[in-house]
Protein backbone atom coordinates (compact mmCIF):
# COMPACT_ATOMS: atom_id res chain seq x y z
CA UNK A 1 25.96 -47.18 -25.11
CA UNK A 2 25.47 -44.28 -22.76
CA UNK A 3 22.40 -42.09 -22.36
CA UNK A 4 22.51 -38.31 -22.87
CA UNK A 5 19.75 -36.52 -21.03
CA UNK A 6 17.95 -33.71 -22.83
CA UNK A 7 18.56 -30.09 -21.81
CA UNK A 8 16.13 -28.93 -19.11
CA UNK A 9 13.39 -26.63 -20.29
CA UNK A 10 12.93 -23.28 -18.53
CA UNK A 11 9.96 -23.17 -16.20
CA UNK A 12 9.71 -19.39 -16.01
CA UNK A 13 11.53 -16.11 -16.42
CA UNK A 14 12.84 -13.16 -14.38
CA UNK A 15 10.98 -9.91 -15.03
CA UNK A 16 12.41 -6.50 -14.14
CA UNK A 17 10.09 -4.29 -12.11
CA UNK A 18 9.52 -0.56 -11.67
CA UNK A 19 9.41 1.74 -8.70
CA UNK A 20 8.32 5.37 -8.48
CA UNK A 21 8.29 8.27 -6.05
CA UNK A 22 5.70 11.05 -6.05
CA UNK A 23 5.87 14.20 -3.92
CA UNK A 24 3.95 17.29 -2.89
CA UNK A 25 6.90 19.44 -1.85
CA UNK A 26 5.00 22.41 -0.33
CA UNK A 27 3.07 20.05 1.98
CA UNK A 28 6.07 17.77 2.61
CA UNK A 29 4.19 14.66 1.47
CA UNK A 30 5.61 11.67 -0.34
CA UNK A 31 4.33 8.42 -1.82
CA UNK A 32 6.22 5.55 -3.38
CA UNK A 33 5.89 2.04 -4.67
CA UNK A 34 8.16 -0.77 -5.88
CA UNK A 35 7.77 -4.07 -7.70
CA UNK A 36 5.33 -2.95 -10.41
CA UNK A 37 5.39 -4.49 -13.87
CA UNK A 38 5.03 -1.18 -15.74
CA UNK A 39 6.37 2.34 -15.32
CA UNK A 40 2.87 3.79 -15.73
CA UNK A 41 1.43 1.62 -12.95
CA UNK A 42 4.32 2.51 -10.62
CA UNK A 43 3.76 6.23 -11.25
CA UNK A 44 0.01 5.95 -10.67
CA UNK A 45 0.36 4.05 -7.40
CA UNK A 46 3.12 6.32 -6.06
CA UNK A 47 0.94 9.37 -6.79
CA UNK A 48 -2.06 7.74 -5.14
CA UNK A 49 0.02 7.01 -2.03
CA UNK A 50 1.19 10.64 -1.97
CA UNK A 51 -2.42 11.85 -2.13
CA UNK A 52 -3.43 9.35 0.59
CA UNK A 53 -0.67 10.77 2.82
CA UNK A 54 -2.23 14.23 2.56
CA UNK A 55 -0.70 15.65 -0.61
CA UNK A 56 -2.91 17.59 -3.00
CA UNK A 57 -0.48 18.50 -5.80
CA UNK A 58 1.49 15.26 -6.00
CA UNK A 59 3.74 14.79 -8.99
CA UNK A 60 6.13 12.01 -9.96
CA UNK A 61 9.60 12.91 -8.76
CA UNK A 62 11.32 9.98 -10.47
CA UNK A 63 11.02 6.35 -11.52
CA UNK A 64 13.52 3.52 -11.33
CA UNK A 65 13.72 0.02 -12.74
CA UNK A 66 15.32 -3.08 -11.27
CA UNK A 67 17.47 -1.18 -8.78
CA UNK A 68 17.37 0.47 -5.39
CA UNK A 69 16.56 4.14 -4.85
CA UNK A 70 16.59 6.65 -2.04
CA UNK A 71 14.92 10.01 -1.47
CA UNK A 72 16.45 12.44 1.01
CA UNK A 73 14.66 15.55 2.26
CA UNK A 74 16.43 18.33 4.19
CA UNK A 75 14.73 19.92 7.19
CA UNK A 76 16.32 23.28 6.33
CA UNK A 77 17.74 24.68 3.09
CA UNK A 78 18.91 22.62 0.15
CA UNK A 79 16.47 20.55 -1.87
CA UNK A 80 15.12 17.02 -2.22
CA UNK A 81 17.79 14.68 -3.54
CA UNK A 82 17.51 11.24 -5.04
CA UNK A 83 19.93 8.51 -5.91
CA UNK A 84 19.96 4.94 -7.13
CA UNK A 85 22.30 2.11 -6.23
CA UNK A 86 22.74 -1.61 -5.83
CA UNK A 87 21.43 -1.54 -2.24
CA UNK A 88 19.19 0.80 -0.21
CA UNK A 89 22.24 1.72 1.86
CA UNK A 90 24.39 2.81 -1.11
CA UNK A 91 21.51 4.77 -2.63
CA UNK A 92 20.83 6.46 0.74
CA UNK A 93 24.47 7.37 1.34
CA UNK A 94 24.79 8.93 -2.10
CA UNK A 95 21.56 10.94 -1.72
CA UNK A 96 22.58 12.12 1.78
CA UNK A 97 25.95 13.33 0.49
CA UNK A 98 24.28 15.20 -2.37
CA UNK A 99 21.76 16.79 0.00
CA UNK A 100 24.49 18.02 2.34
CA UNK A 101 26.68 19.25 -0.53
CA UNK A 102 23.71 21.25 -1.84
CA UNK A 103 23.45 23.06 1.50
CA UNK A 104 20.74 20.98 3.13
CA UNK A 105 20.69 20.77 6.93
CA UNK A 106 19.18 17.86 8.82
CA UNK A 107 18.97 15.71 5.68
CA UNK A 108 16.81 12.66 6.31
CA UNK A 109 16.14 9.53 4.28
CA UNK A 110 12.41 9.33 3.51
CA UNK A 111 12.53 6.39 1.10
CA UNK A 112 15.14 3.65 0.60
CA UNK A 113 13.65 0.75 -1.34
CA UNK A 114 14.48 -1.68 -4.12
CA UNK A 115 12.44 -2.68 -7.14
CA UNK A 116 13.79 -6.16 -7.68
CA UNK A 117 13.18 -8.66 -10.45
CA UNK A 118 10.36 -11.11 -9.89
CA UNK A 119 10.16 -14.68 -11.10
CA UNK A 120 7.16 -15.49 -13.28
CA UNK A 121 6.54 -19.18 -13.94
CA UNK A 122 5.35 -20.14 -17.41
């Protein structure tokens, strides 16, 4: 007779996380966060970081879940652009191209971060 071992039991799970970006455009201030377990918490923390950086009218620019995101800000003309992607580099490149296409000059990456899944043990 041969022995069949039982299937292993999972010891945890992967949880998708949120990121958010908040800005005060007139003052040129930005705040962001990644790795939060809820959209609401990500938005609150990003706005708090924007205020802490000197913003007074900070508002959530966008949120993202389980992906990378970039925010690009032109120094002249154009407008703030955002993009998501599989890596910070791909998100940044896409946002830079959009910024330049929209007429922005001196487009700079202000945020390029990922909100990755986290492992939670049972």
